[in-house]
PDB file of N, CA and C in Angstrom:
ATOM      1  N   MET A   1      -8.540  -4.935  -8.797  1.00  0.00           N
ATOM      2  CA  MET A   1      -7.393  -4.263  -9.427  1.00  0.00           C
ATOM      3  C   MET A   1      -7.848  -2.813  -8.835  1.00  0.00           C
ATOM      4  N   VAL A   2      -7.585  -1.818  -8.518  1.00  0.00           N
ATOM      5  CA  VAL A   2      -7.244  -0.740  -8.835  1.00  0.00           C
ATOM      6  C   VAL A   2      -7.274  -0.039  -9.481  1.00  0.00           C
ATOM      7  N   ASN A   3      -7.810   0.377 -10.255  1.00  0.00           N
ATOM      8  CA  ASN A   3      -8.228   1.350 -11.923  1.00  0.00           C
ATOM      9  C   ASN A   3      -8.777   2.296 -11.813  1.00  0.00           C
ATOM     10  N   ASN A   4      -9.459   2.507 -11.001  1.00  0.00           N
ATOM     11  CA  ASN A   4      -9.949   3.871 -10.818  1.00  0.00           C
ATOM     12  C   ASN A   4      -9.245   4.768  -9.574  1.00  0.00           C
ATOM     13  N   THR A   5      -9.139   6.518  -9.447  1.00  0.00           N
ATOM     14  CA  THR A   5      -8.466   7.251  -8.325  1.00  0.00           C
ATOM     15  C   THR A   5      -9.351   6.837  -7.043  1.00  0.00           C
ATOM     16  N   GLY A   6     -10.571   6.558  -6.851  1.00  0.00           N
ATOM     17  CA  GLY A   6     -11.285   6.509  -5.830  1.00  0.00           C
ATOM     18  C   GLY A   6     -10.279   5.347  -5.300  1.00  0.00           C
ATOM     19  N   GLY A   7     -10.697   4.349  -5.972  1.00  0.00           N
ATOM     20  CA  GLY A   7      -9.832   2.877  -5.206  1.00  0.00           C
ATOM     21  C   GLY A   7      -8.278   3.309  -4.740  1.00  0.00           C
ATOM     22  N   LEU A   8      -7.671   3.738  -5.628  1.00  0.00           N
ATOM     23  CA  LEU A   8      -5.979   4.068  -5.250  1.00  0.00           C
ATOM     24  C   LEU A   8      -6.549   4.931  -4.458  1.00  0.00           C
ATOM     25  N   ASP A   9      -7.059   5.492  -3.842  1.00  0.00           N
ATOM     26  CA  ASP A   9      -7.142   6.752  -2.589  1.00  0.00           C
ATOM     27  C   ASP A   9      -7.506   6.072  -1.536  1.00  0.00           C
ATOM     28  N   ALA A  10      -8.422   5.090  -1.619  1.00  0.00           N
ATOM     29  CA  ALA A  10      -8.672   4.244  -0.492  1.00  0.00           C
ATOM     30  C   ALA A  10      -7.763   3.412   0.114  1.00  0.00           C
ATOM     31  N   VAL A  11      -6.778   2.813  -1.064  1.00  0.00           N
ATOM     32  CA  VAL A  11      -5.764   2.198  -0.296  1.00  0.00           C
ATOM     33  C   VAL A  11      -4.575   2.866   0.144  1.00  0.00           C
ATOM     34  N   PHE A  12      -4.443   3.733  -0.563  1.00  0.00           N
ATOM     35  CA  PHE A  12      -3.461   4.935  -0.029  1.00  0.00           C
ATOM     36  C   PHE A  12      -3.600   5.310   1.232  1.00  0.00           C
ATOM     37  N   SER A  13      -5.302   5.663   1.625  1.00  0.00           N
ATOM     38  CA  SER A  13      -5.425   6.048   2.812  1.00  0.00           C
ATOM     39  C   SER A  13      -5.658   5.299   3.994  1.00  0.00           C
ATOM     40  N   ALA A  14      -6.089   4.020   3.774  1.00  0.00           N
ATOM     41  CA  ALA A  14      -5.991   2.630   4.784  1.00  0.00           C
ATOM     42  C   ALA A  14      -4.477   2.233   5.129  1.00  0.00           C
ATOM     43  N   LEU A  15      -3.776   2.676   4.146  1.00  0.00           N
ATOM     44  CA  LEU A  15      -1.706   2.040   4.278  1.00  0.00           C
ATOM     45  C   LEU A  15      -1.739   3.670   5.086  1.00  0.00           C
ATOM     46  N   ALA A  16      -2.226   4.907   5.029  1.00  0.00           N
ATOM     47  CA  ALA A  16      -1.518   5.819   5.967  1.00  0.00           C
ATOM     48  C   ALA A  16      -1.310   5.261   7.389  1.00  0.00           C
ATOM     49  N   ASP A  17      -2.182   4.243   8.202  1.00  0.00           N
ATOM     50  CA  ASP A  17      -2.524   4.099   9.216  1.00  0.00           C
ATOM     51  C   ASP A  17      -1.016   3.439   9.984  1.00  0.00           C
ATOM     52  N   PRO A  18      -0.555   3.052  10.862  1.00  0.00           N
ATOM     53  CA  PRO A  18       1.010   2.590  10.968  1.00  0.00           C
ATOM     54  C   PRO A  18       0.651   1.150  11.308  1.00  0.00           C
ATOM     55  N   THR A  19      -0.649   0.866  11.939  1.00  0.00           N
ATOM     56  CA  THR A  19      -1.512  -0.386  12.933  1.00  0.00           C
ATOM     57  C   THR A  19      -1.791  -1.088  11.753  1.00  0.00           C
ATOM     58  N   ARG A  20      -2.244  -0.768  10.599  1.00  0.00           N
ATOM     59  CA  ARG A  20      -2.882  -1.065   8.930  1.00  0.00           C
ATOM     60  C   ARG A  20      -1.865  -1.333   8.421  1.00  0.00           C
ATOM     61  N   ARG A  21      -0.566  -0.690   8.311  1.00  0.00           N
ATOM     62  CA  ARG A  21       0.497  -1.560   7.562  1.00  0.00           C
ATOM     63  C   ARG A  21       1.503  -2.481   8.110  1.00  0.00           C
ATOM     64  N   ARG A  22       1.716  -2.620  10.032  1.00  0.00           N
ATOM     65  CA  ARG A  22       1.620  -4.074  10.403  1.00  0.00           C
ATOM     66  C   ARG A  22       1.014  -4.846  10.009  1.00  0.00           C
ATOM     67  N   ILE A  23       0.221  -5.043  10.124  1.00  0.00           N
ATOM     68  CA  ILE A  23      -1.043  -5.659   9.505  1.00  0.00           C
ATOM     69  C   ILE A  23      -0.814  -6.835   8.448  1.00  0.00           C
ATOM     70  N   VAL A  24      -0.996  -5.243   7.437  1.00  0.00           N
ATOM     71  CA  VAL A  24      -0.505  -6.131   5.976  1.00  0.00           C
ATOM     72  C   VAL A  24       0.829  -6.737   6.184  1.00  0.00           C
ATOM     73  N   GLU A  25       2.100  -6.327   6.566  1.00  0.00           N
ATOM     74  CA  GLU A  25       3.134  -7.025   6.857  1.00  0.00           C
ATOM     75  C   GLU A  25       3.331  -8.296   7.662  1.00  0.00           C
ATOM     76  N   ARG A  26       2.463  -8.544   8.613  1.00  0.00           N
ATOM     77  CA  ARG A  26       1.999  -9.695   8.979  1.00  0.00           C
ATOM     78  C   ARG A  26       1.507 -10.332   8.008  1.00  0.00           C
ATOM     79  N   LEU A  27       0.641  -9.955   7.487  1.00  0.00           N
ATOM     80  CA  LEU A  27      -0.642 -10.804   6.198  1.00  0.00           C
ATOM     81  C   LEU A  27       0.831 -11.301   5.084  1.00  0.00           C
ATOM     82  N   ALA A  28       1.754 -10.376   4.453  1.00  0.00           N
ATOM     83  CA  ALA A  28       2.753 -10.717   3.906  1.00  0.00           C
ATOM     84  C   ALA A  28       3.226 -12.085   4.037  1.00  0.00           C
ATOM     85  N   ARG A  29       3.290 -12.327   5.228  1.00  0.00           N
ATOM     86  CA  ARG A  29       4.219 -14.263   5.828  1.00  0.00           C
ATOM     87  C   ARG A  29       3.072 -14.561   5.528  1.00  0.00           C
ATOM     88  N   GLY A  30       2.183 -14.826   5.623  1.00  0.00           N
ATOM     89  CA  GLY A  30       0.787 -15.932   5.198  1.00  0.00           C
ATOM     90  C   GLY A  30      -0.423 -15.147   5.921  1.00  0.00           C
ATOM     91  N   PRO A  31      -1.705 -16.510   5.674  1.00  0.00           N
ATOM     92  CA  PRO A  31      -2.775 -16.169   6.184  1.00  0.00           C
ATOM     93  C   PRO A  31      -3.071 -16.282   7.794  1.00  0.00           C
ATOM     94  N   MET A  32      -3.477 -15.208   8.313  1.00  0.00           N
ATOM     95  CA  MET A  32      -3.875 -15.176   9.397  1.00  0.00           C
ATOM     96  C   MET A  32      -5.565 -15.487  10.169  1.00  0.00           C
ATOM     97  N   THR A  33      -5.673 -15.339  11.833  1.00  0.00           N
ATOM     98  CA  THR A  33      -6.917 -15.545  11.872  1.00  0.00           C
ATOM     99  C   THR A  33      -7.339 -13.659  12.397  1.00  0.00           C
ATOM    100  N   VAL A  34      -8.450 -13.358  12.910  1.00  0.00           N
ATOM    101  CA  VAL A  34      -8.209 -12.184  12.991  1.00  0.00           C
ATOM    102  C   VAL A  34      -8.001 -12.110  14.196  1.00  0.00           C
ATOM    103  N   GLY A  35      -7.747 -13.215  15.013  1.00  0.00           N
ATOM    104  CA  GLY A  35      -7.544 -13.588  16.119  1.00  0.00           C
ATOM    105  C   GLY A  35      -5.817 -13.379  16.524  1.00  0.00           C
ATOM    106  N   GLU A  36      -5.529 -14.142  15.539  1.00  0.00           N
ATOM    107  CA  GLU A  36      -4.138 -14.135  15.433  1.00  0.00           C
ATOM    108  C   GLU A  36      -3.539 -12.621  15.079  1.00  0.00           C
ATOM    109  N   LEU A  37      -4.024 -11.977  14.213  1.00  0.00           N
ATOM    110  CA  LEU A  37      -3.774 -10.435  13.859  1.00  0.00           C
ATOM    111  C   LEU A  37      -3.250 -10.182  14.821  1.00  0.00           C
ATOM    112  N   GLY A  38      -4.590  -9.920  15.828  1.00  0.00           N
ATOM    113  CA  GLY A  38      -4.579  -9.097  17.092  1.00  0.00           C
ATOM    114  C   GLY A  38      -3.493  -9.154  18.094  1.00  0.00           C
ATOM    115  N   ALA A  39      -2.505  -9.856  18.526  1.00  0.00           N
ATOM    116  CA  ALA A  39      -1.948 -10.880  18.996  1.00  0.00           C
ATOM    117  C   ALA A  39      -0.605  -9.883  18.748  1.00  0.00           C
ATOM    118  N   GLY A  40      -0.109  -9.185  20.108  1.00  0.00           N
ATOM    119  CA  GLY A  40       0.983  -8.292  19.816  1.00  0.00           C
ATOM    120  C   GLY A  40       0.949  -6.772  19.547  1.00  0.00           C
ATOM    121  N   PHE A  41      -0.452  -6.719  19.804  1.00  0.00           N
ATOM    122  CA  PHE A  41      -0.878  -4.800  19.373  1.00  0.00           C
ATOM    123  C   PHE A  41      -1.752  -4.628  20.620  1.00  0.00           C
ATOM    124  N   SER A  42      -1.468  -3.477  21.219  1.00  0.00           N
ATOM    125  CA  SER A  42      -1.744  -2.644  22.216  1.00  0.00           C
ATOM    126  C   SER A  42      -3.181  -2.223  22.333  1.00  0.00           C
ATOM    127  N   ILE A  43      -3.568  -2.791  21.269  1.00  0.00           N
ATOM    128  CA  ILE A  43      -5.279  -2.168  21.075  1.00  0.00           C
ATOM    129  C   ILE A  43      -6.285  -3.678  21.463  1.00  0.00           C
ATOM    130  N   SER A  44      -7.529  -3.012  21.414  1.00  0.00           N
ATOM    131  CA  SER A  44      -8.464  -3.954  21.649  1.00  0.00           C
ATOM    132  C   SER A  44      -8.696  -5.351  20.264  1.00  0.00           C
ATOM    133  N   GLN A  45      -9.696  -6.269  20.552  1.00  0.00           N
ATOM    134  CA  GLN A  45      -9.557  -7.156  19.382  1.00  0.00           C
ATOM    135  C   GLN A  45     -10.683  -6.266  18.745  1.00  0.00           C
ATOM    136  N   PRO A  46     -11.765  -5.267  19.445  1.00  0.00           N
ATOM    137  CA  PRO A  46     -12.251  -4.498  18.249  1.00  0.00           C
ATOM    138  C   PRO A  46     -11.844  -3.749  17.675  1.00  0.00           C
ATOM    139  N   GLY A  47     -10.969  -3.035  18.231  1.00  0.00           N
ATOM    140  CA  GLY A  47     -10.079  -2.187  17.165  1.00  0.00           C
ATOM    141  C   GLY A  47      -9.525  -2.847  16.112  1.00  0.00           C
ATOM    142  N   ILE A  48      -8.940  -3.821  16.543  1.00  0.00           N
ATOM    143  CA  ILE A  48      -8.053  -4.718  15.441  1.00  0.00           C
ATOM    144  C   ILE A  48      -9.203  -4.863  14.263  1.00  0.00           C
ATOM    145  N   SER A  49     -10.298  -5.394  14.742  1.00  0.00           N
ATOM    146  CA  SER A  49     -11.506  -5.813  13.432  1.00  0.00           C
ATOM    147  C   SER A  49     -11.919  -4.425  12.572  1.00  0.00           C
ATOM    148  N   LYS A  50     -11.518  -3.146  13.452  1.00  0.00           N
ATOM    149  CA  LYS A  50     -12.113  -2.040  12.511  1.00  0.00           C
ATOM    150  C   LYS A  50     -10.562  -1.852  11.675  1.00  0.00           C
ATOM    151  N   HIS A  51      -9.811  -2.039  11.977  1.00  0.00           N
ATOM    152  CA  HIS A  51      -8.147  -1.756  11.261  1.00  0.00           C
ATOM    153  C   HIS A  51      -8.543  -3.011   9.714  1.00  0.00           C
ATOM    154  N   VAL A  52      -8.839  -4.307  10.310  1.00  0.00           N
ATOM    155  CA  VAL A  52      -9.008  -5.353   9.136  1.00  0.00           C
ATOM    156  C   VAL A  52     -10.290  -4.639   8.341  1.00  0.00           C
ATOM    157  N   ARG A  53     -11.387  -4.830   8.907  1.00  0.00           N
ATOM    158  CA  ARG A  53     -12.444  -4.054   7.640  1.00  0.00           C
ATOM    159  C   ARG A  53     -12.292  -3.350   7.210  1.00  0.00           C
ATOM    160  N   VAL A  54     -11.377  -1.972   7.598  1.00  0.00           N
ATOM    161  CA  VAL A  54     -10.730  -0.662   6.728  1.00  0.00           C
ATOM    162  C   VAL A  54     -10.212  -1.704   5.375  1.00  0.00           C
ATOM    163  N   LEU A  55      -8.563  -2.343   5.452  1.00  0.00           N
ATOM    164  CA  LEU A  55      -8.492  -2.853   4.664  1.00  0.00           C
ATOM    165  C   LEU A  55      -9.084  -3.884   3.552  1.00  0.00           C
ATOM    166  N   GLU A  56     -10.127  -4.426   4.175  1.00  0.00           N
ATOM    167  CA  GLU A  56     -10.611  -5.282   3.553  1.00  0.00           C
ATOM    168  C   GLU A  56     -12.074  -4.389   2.895  1.00  0.00           C
ATOM    169  N   GLU A  57     -11.867  -3.698   2.834  1.00  0.00           N
ATOM    170  CA  GLU A  57     -12.978  -2.472   2.401  1.00  0.00           C
ATOM    171  C   GLU A  57     -12.536  -2.210   1.069  1.00  0.00           C
ATOM    172  N   CYS A  58     -11.182  -1.380   1.190  1.00  0.00           N
ATOM    173  CA  CYS A  58     -10.226  -1.206   0.143  1.00  0.00           C
ATOM    174  C   CYS A  58      -9.938  -2.242  -0.633  1.00  0.00           C
ATOM    175  N   GLY A  59     -10.204  -3.143  -0.322  1.00  0.00           N
ATOM    176  CA  GLY A  59      -9.513  -4.511  -1.251  1.00  0.00           C
ATOM    177  C   GLY A  59      -8.257  -5.373  -1.008  1.00  0.00           C
ATOM    178  N   ILE A  60      -7.268  -4.691  -0.200  1.00  0.00           N
ATOM    179  CA  ILE A  60      -5.991  -5.091   0.261  1.00  0.00           C
ATOM    180  C   ILE A  60      -6.298  -6.726   0.780  1.00  0.00           C
ATOM    181  N   LEU A  61      -7.221  -6.676   1.565  1.00  0.00           N
ATOM    182  CA  LEU A  61      -7.602  -7.558   2.768  1.00  0.00           C
ATOM    183  C   LEU A  61      -8.280  -9.110   2.300  1.00  0.00           C
ATOM    184  N   ARG A  62      -8.674  -9.624   2.580  1.00  0.00           N
ATOM    185  CA  ARG A  62      -9.703 -11.013   1.559  1.00  0.00           C
ATOM    186  C   ARG A  62      -9.426 -11.651   2.920  1.00  0.00           C
ATOM    187  N   ARG A  63     -11.018 -11.424   3.833  1.00  0.00           N
ATOM    188  CA  ARG A  63     -11.490 -12.294   4.598  1.00  0.00           C
ATOM    189  C   ARG A  63     -12.488 -13.606   3.938  1.00  0.00           C
ATOM    190  N   ASP A  64     -12.114 -14.543   4.928  1.00  0.00           N
ATOM    191  CA  ASP A  64     -13.014 -15.971   4.529  1.00  0.00           C
ATOM    192  C   ASP A  64     -13.202 -16.353   5.548  1.00  0.00           C
ATOM    193  N   VAL A  65     -14.463 -16.361   5.741  1.00  0.00           N
ATOM    194  CA  VAL A  65     -15.558 -17.236   6.969  1.00  0.00           C
ATOM    195  C   VAL A  65     -15.689 -18.241   7.114  1.00  0.00           C
ATOM    196  N   ILE A  66     -14.507 -19.214   7.581  1.00  0.00           N
ATOM    197  CA  ILE A  66     -15.234 -21.255   8.067  1.00  0.00           C
ATOM    198  C   ILE A  66     -15.761 -20.890   9.022  1.00  0.00           C
ATOM    199  N   GLY A  67     -17.041 -21.012   9.508  1.00  0.00           N
ATOM    200  CA  GLY A  67     -17.852 -21.375  10.951  1.00  0.00           C
ATOM    201  C   GLY A  67     -17.405 -20.098  11.861  1.00  0.00           C
ATOM    202  N   ARG A  68     -16.657 -20.235  12.926  1.00  0.00           N
ATOM    203  CA  ARG A  68     -16.500 -19.034  13.399  1.00  0.00           C
ATOM    204  C   ARG A  68     -15.331 -18.378  13.392  1.00  0.00           C
ATOM    205  N   GLU A  69     -14.257 -18.815  12.748  1.00  0.00           N
ATOM    206  CA  GLU A  69     -12.758 -18.465  12.118  1.00  0.00           C
ATOM    207  C   GLU A  69     -13.016 -17.812  11.034  1.00  0.00           C
ATOM    208  N   HIS A  70     -12.458 -16.434  11.110  1.00  0.00           N
ATOM    209  CA  HIS A  70     -12.052 -15.490   9.921  1.00  0.00           C
ATOM    210  C   HIS A  70     -10.687 -15.610   9.699  1.00  0.00           C
ATOM    211  N   ARG A  71     -10.726 -15.899   8.551  1.00  0.00           N
ATOM    212  CA  ARG A  71      -8.938 -16.121   8.409  1.00  0.00           C
ATOM    213  C   ARG A  71      -8.929 -15.362   6.829  1.00  0.00           C
ATOM    214  N   CYS A  72      -7.511 -14.012   7.068  1.00  0.00           N
ATOM    215  CA  CYS A  72      -7.475 -13.035   6.459  1.00  0.00           C
ATOM    216  C   CYS A  72      -6.376 -13.286   5.388  1.00  0.00           C
ATOM    217  N   SER A  73      -6.171 -12.856   4.168  1.00  0.00           N
ATOM    218  CA  SER A  73      -4.886 -13.058   3.550  1.00  0.00           C
ATOM    219  C   SER A  73      -5.182 -11.949   2.592  1.00  0.00           C
ATOM    220  N   LEU A  74      -3.625 -11.372   1.933  1.00  0.00           N
ATOM    221  CA  LEU A  74      -3.583 -10.152   1.111  1.00  0.00           C
ATOM    222  C   LEU A  74      -4.164 -10.298  -0.139  1.00  0.00           C
ATOM    223  N   SER A  75      -4.375  -9.433  -0.871  1.00  0.00           N
ATOM    224  CA  SER A  75      -5.126  -9.642  -2.618  1.00  0.00           C
ATOM    225  C   SER A  75      -3.837  -8.775  -2.774  1.00  0.00           C
ATOM    226  N   PRO A  76      -3.004  -9.517  -3.651  1.00  0.00           N
ATOM    227  CA  PRO A  76      -1.753  -9.080  -4.137  1.00  0.00           C
ATOM    228  C   PRO A  76      -2.240  -8.291  -5.701  1.00  0.00           C
ATOM    229  N   LYS A  77      -3.234  -8.638  -6.136  1.00  0.00           N
ATOM    230  CA  LYS A  77      -3.586  -7.154  -7.491  1.00  0.00           C
ATOM    231  C   LYS A  77      -3.618  -6.501  -6.540  1.00  0.00           C
ATOM    232  N   VAL A  78      -4.065  -6.019  -5.562  1.00  0.00           N
ATOM    233  CA  VAL A  78      -4.234  -4.362  -5.327  1.00  0.00           C
ATOM    234  C   VAL A  78      -3.172  -3.950  -5.103  1.00  0.00           C
ATOM    235  N   ILE A  79      -2.530  -4.839  -4.245  1.00  0.00           N
ATOM    236  CA  ILE A  79      -0.905  -4.156  -3.714  1.00  0.00           C
ATOM    237  C   ILE A  79      -0.008  -3.879  -5.118  1.00  0.00           C
ATOM    238  N   ARG A  80      -0.347  -5.042  -6.091  1.00  0.00           N
ATOM    239  CA  ARG A  80       0.805  -4.876  -7.165  1.00  0.00           C
ATOM    240  C   ARG A  80       0.047  -3.554  -7.756  1.00  0.00           C
ATOM    241  N   SER A  81      -1.277  -3.072  -8.046  1.00  0.00           N
ATOM    242  CA  SER A  81      -1.498  -1.960  -8.569  1.00  0.00           C
ATOM    243  C   SER A  81      -1.593  -0.530  -8.219  1.00  0.00           C
ATOM    244  N   ALA A  82      -1.402  -0.780  -6.239  1.00  0.00           N
ATOM    245  CA  ALA A  82      -0.993   0.568  -5.635  1.00  0.00           C
ATOM    246  C   ALA A  82       0.872   0.918  -6.083  1.00  0.00           C
ATOM    247  N   SER A  83       1.429  -0.501  -6.066  1.00  0.00           N
ATOM    248  CA  SER A  83       3.016  -0.446  -7.119  1.00  0.00           C
ATOM    249  C   SER A  83       3.140   0.734  -7.983  1.00  0.00           C
ATOM    250  N   ALA A  84       1.982  -0.393  -8.756  1.00  0.00           N
ATOM    251  CA  ALA A  84       2.493   0.061 -10.543  1.00  0.00           C
ATOM    252  C   ALA A  84       2.095   1.669 -10.405  1.00  0.00           C
ATOM    253  N   TRP A  85       1.118   2.301  -9.782  1.00  0.00           N
ATOM    254  CA  TRP A  85       0.842   3.687  -9.565  1.00  0.00           C
ATOM    255  C   TRP A  85       2.311   4.896  -9.308  1.00  0.00           C
ATOM    256  N   MET A  86       2.820   3.708  -8.214  1.00  0.00           N
ATOM    257  CA  MET A  86       4.199   4.361  -7.834  1.00  0.00           C
ATOM    258  C   MET A  86       5.303   4.369  -8.563  1.00  0.00           C
ATOM    259  N   GLU A  87       5.603   3.459  -9.203  1.00  0.00           N
ATOM    260  CA  GLU A  87       6.300   2.973 -10.275  1.00  0.00           C
ATOM    261  C   GLU A  87       6.647   4.101 -11.187  1.00  0.00           C
ATOM    262  N   ARG A  88       5.131   4.108 -11.718  1.00  0.00           N
ATOM    263  CA  ARG A  88       4.994   5.232 -12.534  1.00  0.00           C
ATOM    264  C   ARG A  88       5.232   6.790 -12.445  1.00  0.00           C
ATOM    265  N   GLN A  89       5.034   7.223 -11.056  1.00  0.00           N
ATOM    266  CA  GLN A  89       5.433   8.067 -10.740  1.00  0.00           C
ATOM    267  C   GLN A  89       6.660   8.261 -10.331  1.00  0.00           C
ATOM    268  N   TYR A  90       7.197   7.465  -9.553  1.00  0.00           N
ATOM    269  CA  TYR A  90       8.709   7.119  -9.863  1.00  0.00           C
ATOM    270  C   TYR A  90       9.573   7.776 -11.441  1.00  0.00           C
ATOM    271  N   ALA A  91       9.277   6.955 -12.196  1.00  0.00           N
ATOM    272  CA  ALA A  91       9.830   6.941 -13.451  1.00  0.00           C
ATOM    273  C   ALA A  91       9.752   8.418 -14.023  1.00  0.00           C
ATOM    274  N   PHE A  92       8.461   8.619 -13.880  1.00  0.00           N
ATOM    275  CA  PHE A  92       8.001  10.047 -14.429  1.00  0.00           C
ATOM    276  C   PHE A  92       9.045  11.262 -13.995  1.00  0.00           C
ATOM    277  N   TRP A  93       8.940  11.114 -12.797  1.00  0.00           N
ATOM    278  CA  TRP A  93       9.465  12.291 -11.899  1.00  0.00           C
ATOM    279  C   TRP A  93      11.176  12.052 -12.049  1.00  0.00           C
ATOM    280  N   ASN A  94      11.386  11.032 -12.198  1.00  0.00           N
ATOM    281  CA  ASN A  94      13.041  10.959 -12.421  1.00  0.00           C
ATOM    282  C   ASN A  94      13.545  11.008 -13.901  1.00  0.00           C
ATOM    283  N   SER A  95      12.538  11.108 -14.908  1.00  0.00           N
ATOM    284  CA  SER A  95      12.488  11.338 -15.653  1.00  0.00           C
ATOM    285  C   SER A  95      12.960  13.104 -15.961  1.00  0.00           C
ATOM    286  N   THR A  96      11.786  13.431 -15.467  1.00  0.00           N
ATOM    287  CA  THR A  96      11.484  15.216 -15.465  1.00  0.00           C
ATOM    288  C   THR A  96      12.785  15.538 -14.793  1.00  0.00           C
ATOM    289  N   LEU A  97      13.314  15.399 -13.743  1.00  0.00           N
ATOM    290  CA  LEU A  97      14.033  15.912 -13.224  1.00  0.00           C
ATOM    291  C   LEU A  97      15.442  15.504 -13.924  1.00  0.00           C
ATOM    292  N   ASP A  98      16.043  14.494 -14.281  1.00  0.00           N
ATOM    293  CA  ASP A  98      17.015  14.463 -15.190  1.00  0.00           C
ATOM    294  C   ASP A  98      16.959  15.426 -16.441  1.00  0.00           C
ATOM    295  N   ARG A  99      15.900  15.364 -17.197  1.00  0.00           N
ATOM    296  CA  ARG A  99      15.629  16.750 -18.259  1.00  0.00           C
ATOM    297  C   ARG A  99      15.831  18.551 -17.451  1.00  0.00           C
ATOM    298  N   LEU A 100      15.263  18.438 -16.556  1.00  0.00           N
ATOM    299  CA  LEU A 100      15.672  19.900 -15.749  1.00  0.00           C
ATOM    300  C   LEU A 100      17.331  19.779 -15.840  1.00  0.00           C
ATOM    301  N   GLY A 101      17.821  18.417 -15.067  1.00  0.00           N
ATOM    302  CA  GLY A 101      19.431  18.872 -14.621  1.00  0.00           C
ATOM    303  C   GLY A 101      20.101  19.250 -16.188  1.00  0.00           C
ATOM    304  N   ASP A 102      19.707  18.550 -17.159  1.00  0.00           N
ATOM    305  CA  ASP A 102      20.285  18.812 -18.341  1.00  0.00           C
ATOM    306  C   ASP A 102      19.964  19.658 -19.179  1.00  0.00           C
ATOM    307  N   ILE A 103      18.739  20.442 -18.333  1.00  0.00           N
ATOM    308  CA  ILE A 103      18.594  21.763 -19.183  1.00  0.00           C
ATOM    309  C   ILE A 103      19.568  23.312 -18.143  1.00  0.00           C
ATOM    310  N   LEU A 104      19.624  22.385 -16.695  1.00  0.00           N
ATOM    311  CA  LEU A 104      20.228  23.295 -16.043  1.00  0.00           C
ATOM    312  C   LEU A 104      21.783  23.508 -16.049  1.00  0.00           C
ATOM    313  N   ASP A 105      22.363  22.676 -16.493  1.00  0.00           N
ATOM    314  CA  ASP A 105      23.690  22.252 -16.857  1.00  0.00           C
ATOM    315  C   ASP A 105      24.379  22.696 -18.299  1.00  0.00           C
ATOM    316  N   GLU A 106      23.112  22.974 -19.056  1.00  0.00           N
ATOM    317  CA  GLU A 106      23.359  23.375 -20.484  1.00  0.00           C
ATOM    318  C   GLU A 106      24.316  24.949 -20.715  1.00  0.00           C
ATOM    319  N   PRO A 107      23.886  25.904 -19.818  1.00  0.00           N
ATOM    320  CA  PRO A 107      24.491  27.201 -19.436  1.00  0.00           C
ATOM    321  C   PRO A 107      26.519  26.706 -19.612  1.00  0.00           C
ATOM    322  N   SER A 108      26.439  26.065 -18.238  1.00  0.00           N
ATOM    323  CA  SER A 108      28.010  26.098 -17.991  1.00  0.00           C
ATOM    324  C   SER A 108      28.323  24.825 -18.818  1.00  0.00           C
ATOM    325  N   LYS A 109      27.887  24.001 -19.916  1.00  0.00           N
ATOM    326  CA  LYS A 109      28.950  23.287 -20.597  1.00  0.00           C
ATOM    327  C   LYS A 109      29.108  24.240 -21.987  1.00  0.00           C
ATOM    328  N   ARG A 110      28.005  25.166 -22.167  1.00  0.00           N
ATOM    329  CA  ARG A 110      28.846  26.452 -23.211  1.00  0.00           C
ATOM    330  C   ARG A 110      29.673  27.339 -22.992  1.00  0.00           C
ATOM    331  N   LYS A 111      29.583  27.826 -21.765  1.00  0.00           N
ATOM    332  CA  LYS A 111      30.813  28.415 -20.944  1.00  0.00           C
ATOM    333  C   LYS A 111      32.334  27.923 -21.162  1.00  0.00           C
ATOM    334  N   LYS A 112      32.275  26.557 -21.189  1.00  0.00           N
ATOM    335  CA  LYS A 112      33.267  25.993 -21.071  1.00  0.00           C
ATOM    336  C   LYS A 112      34.187  25.844 -22.551  1.00  0.00           C
ATOM    337  N   LYS A 113      33.495  25.830 -23.384  1.00  0.00           N
ATOM    338  CA  LYS A 113      33.309  25.783 -24.827  1.00  0.00           C
ATOM    339  C   LYS A 113      33.893  26.625 -25.309  1.00  0.00           C
TER     340      LYS A 113
END
């Protein structure tokens, strides 16, 4: 779980890259090998491996090594933790902006009376 600022920073930093977001989208459909993840990308296999390593280091991705096969899957706890942080921000700003809207509407409501 990402409960510290550093962990959350690492998650959002990892997701800032479009290639890594596409890897996460692919893994959302189910586990894949690193080779399968690399198919369809116009970058080298070592490049894909670097992206996988970044996702693994921040905890979004889990890699299981069975012999020579590296099978990757998502870690839902980390994704949920980042999502929960975004939901809290959404709720805070919605509430804050609603209150601001109410304050800004008050003078016009008084004038109508």
